[in-house]
Amino acid sequence: MAKAARKKVVLQGYLLVPEAELAAVLVELPRHIALTLAEEGCSVFVVQQDSENRCKFHVYEEFVDKAAFAVHQARVRDSQWGLVSVNAERHYQVMGLE
């Protein structure tokens, strides 16, 4: 019997960081990106600051499957990134979780 194909998970959208927390987010962001790209199952992870609104960050992520995405979410929740970005408004669409 053939294995079921793994369905990738794609997250895209943006987050809005409160002005008062922007400096902390900018300090932690490079580490967050590096740690995420090092995760097993992370295929793509891009976070770019908007050119017009410095508190807005465009996000695009791809993970090989739901399990890899779940591991990422759990790590982020308990990370320094999770702490400094806790008040950011997240506007994401996630595909591949169904």
Protein backbone atom coordinates (compact mmCIF):
# COMPACT_ATOMS: atom_id res chain seq x y z
CA MET A 1 0.00 0.00 0.00
CA ALA A 2 1.41 3.40 -0.99
CA LYS A 3 2.01 6.09 1.60
CA ALA A 4 -0.30 9.07 1.53
CA ALA A 5 1.40 12.17 0.15
CA ARG A 6 2.25 14.77 2.75
CA LYS A 7 0.34 17.98 2.25
CA LYS A 8 2.39 21.12 2.77
CA VAL A 9 1.18 23.93 4.99
CA VAL A 10 1.48 27.51 3.71
CA LEU A 11 0.99 30.57 5.89
CA GLN A 12 0.91 34.02 4.37
CA GLY A 13 -0.16 37.45 5.47
CA TYR A 14 1.20 40.15 7.70
CA LEU A 15 1.62 41.22 11.28
CA LEU A 16 1.30 44.67 12.80
CA VAL A 17 3.66 45.41 15.67
CA PRO A 18 2.82 48.10 18.23
CA GLU A 19 5.17 51.07 17.82
CA ALA A 20 6.38 50.75 21.42
CA GLU A 21 7.51 47.14 20.78
CA LEU A 22 9.06 47.63 17.34
CA ALA A 23 12.66 47.93 18.55
CA ALA A 24 12.48 44.62 20.46
CA VAL A 25 10.89 42.88 17.47
CA LEU A 26 13.59 44.16 15.12
CA VAL A 27 16.32 42.90 17.48
CA GLU A 28 14.79 39.42 17.80
CA LEU A 29 13.60 38.95 14.20
CA PRO A 30 16.92 37.75 12.67
CA ARG A 31 17.25 35.08 15.38
CA HIS A 32 13.63 34.02 14.89
CA ILE A 33 14.19 33.64 11.14
CA ALA A 34 17.42 31.65 11.62
CA LEU A 35 15.86 29.31 14.18
CA THR A 36 12.80 28.73 12.02
CA LEU A 37 14.83 27.99 8.88
CA ALA A 38 16.82 25.46 10.90
CA GLU A 39 13.66 23.56 11.88
CA GLU A 40 13.17 20.19 10.27
CA GLY A 41 10.25 20.53 7.89
CA CYS A 42 10.55 24.25 7.21
CA SER A 43 10.87 24.78 3.45
CA VAL A 44 10.45 28.57 3.19
CA PHE A 45 10.33 31.30 5.81
CA VAL A 46 10.35 34.96 4.77
CA VAL A 47 9.54 37.98 6.93
CA GLN A 48 9.96 41.41 5.34
CA GLN A 49 9.32 44.80 6.86
CA ASP A 50 6.94 46.89 4.80
CA SER A 51 8.57 49.75 2.90
CA GLU A 52 5.87 52.27 3.87
CA ASN A 53 4.68 51.13 7.30
CA ARG A 54 7.63 50.17 9.48
CA CYS A 55 5.32 48.41 11.97
CA LYS A 56 3.99 46.03 9.30
CA PHE A 57 5.80 42.81 8.38
CA HIS A 58 4.87 40.58 5.45
CA VAL A 59 5.13 36.88 6.25
CA TYR A 60 5.34 33.81 4.02
CA GLU A 61 5.99 30.33 5.41
CA GLU A 62 5.98 26.81 3.99
CA PHE A 63 6.25 23.62 6.02
CA VAL A 64 6.35 20.09 4.62
CA ASP A 65 3.25 19.00 6.56
CA LYS A 66 0.92 19.71 9.49
CA ALA A 67 3.24 18.02 11.97
CA ALA A 68 6.19 20.27 11.05
CA PHE A 69 3.95 23.33 11.26
CA ALA A 70 2.67 22.24 14.69
CA VAL A 71 6.23 21.81 15.97
CA HIS A 72 7.06 25.31 14.72
CA GLN A 73 4.01 26.83 16.40
CA ALA A 74 4.86 25.14 19.71
CA ARG A 75 8.48 26.34 19.58
CA VAL A 76 7.45 29.91 18.78
CA ARG A 77 4.92 30.00 21.60
CA ASP A 78 7.66 29.39 24.17
CA SER A 79 10.41 31.46 22.51
CA GLN A 80 11.83 34.94 22.92
CA TRP A 81 10.13 35.79 19.62
CA GLY A 82 6.81 34.70 21.10
CA LEU A 83 7.44 37.00 24.04
CA VAL A 84 8.43 40.12 22.07
CA SER A 85 5.70 39.68 19.45
CA VAL A 86 2.86 38.65 21.76
CA ASN A 87 1.00 41.94 21.21
CA ALA A 88 1.40 41.99 17.42
CA GLU A 89 -1.81 41.74 15.42
CA ARG A 90 -1.54 38.72 13.14
CA HIS A 91 -3.42 38.73 9.83
CA TYR A 92 -2.63 35.32 8.34
CA GLN A 93 -4.19 32.81 6.00
CA VAL A 94 -3.12 29.22 6.55
CA MET A 95 -3.63 26.62 3.85
CA GLY A 96 -3.05 22.89 4.15
CA LEU A 97 -4.42 22.25 7.62
CA GLU A 98 -7.67 20.74 6.43
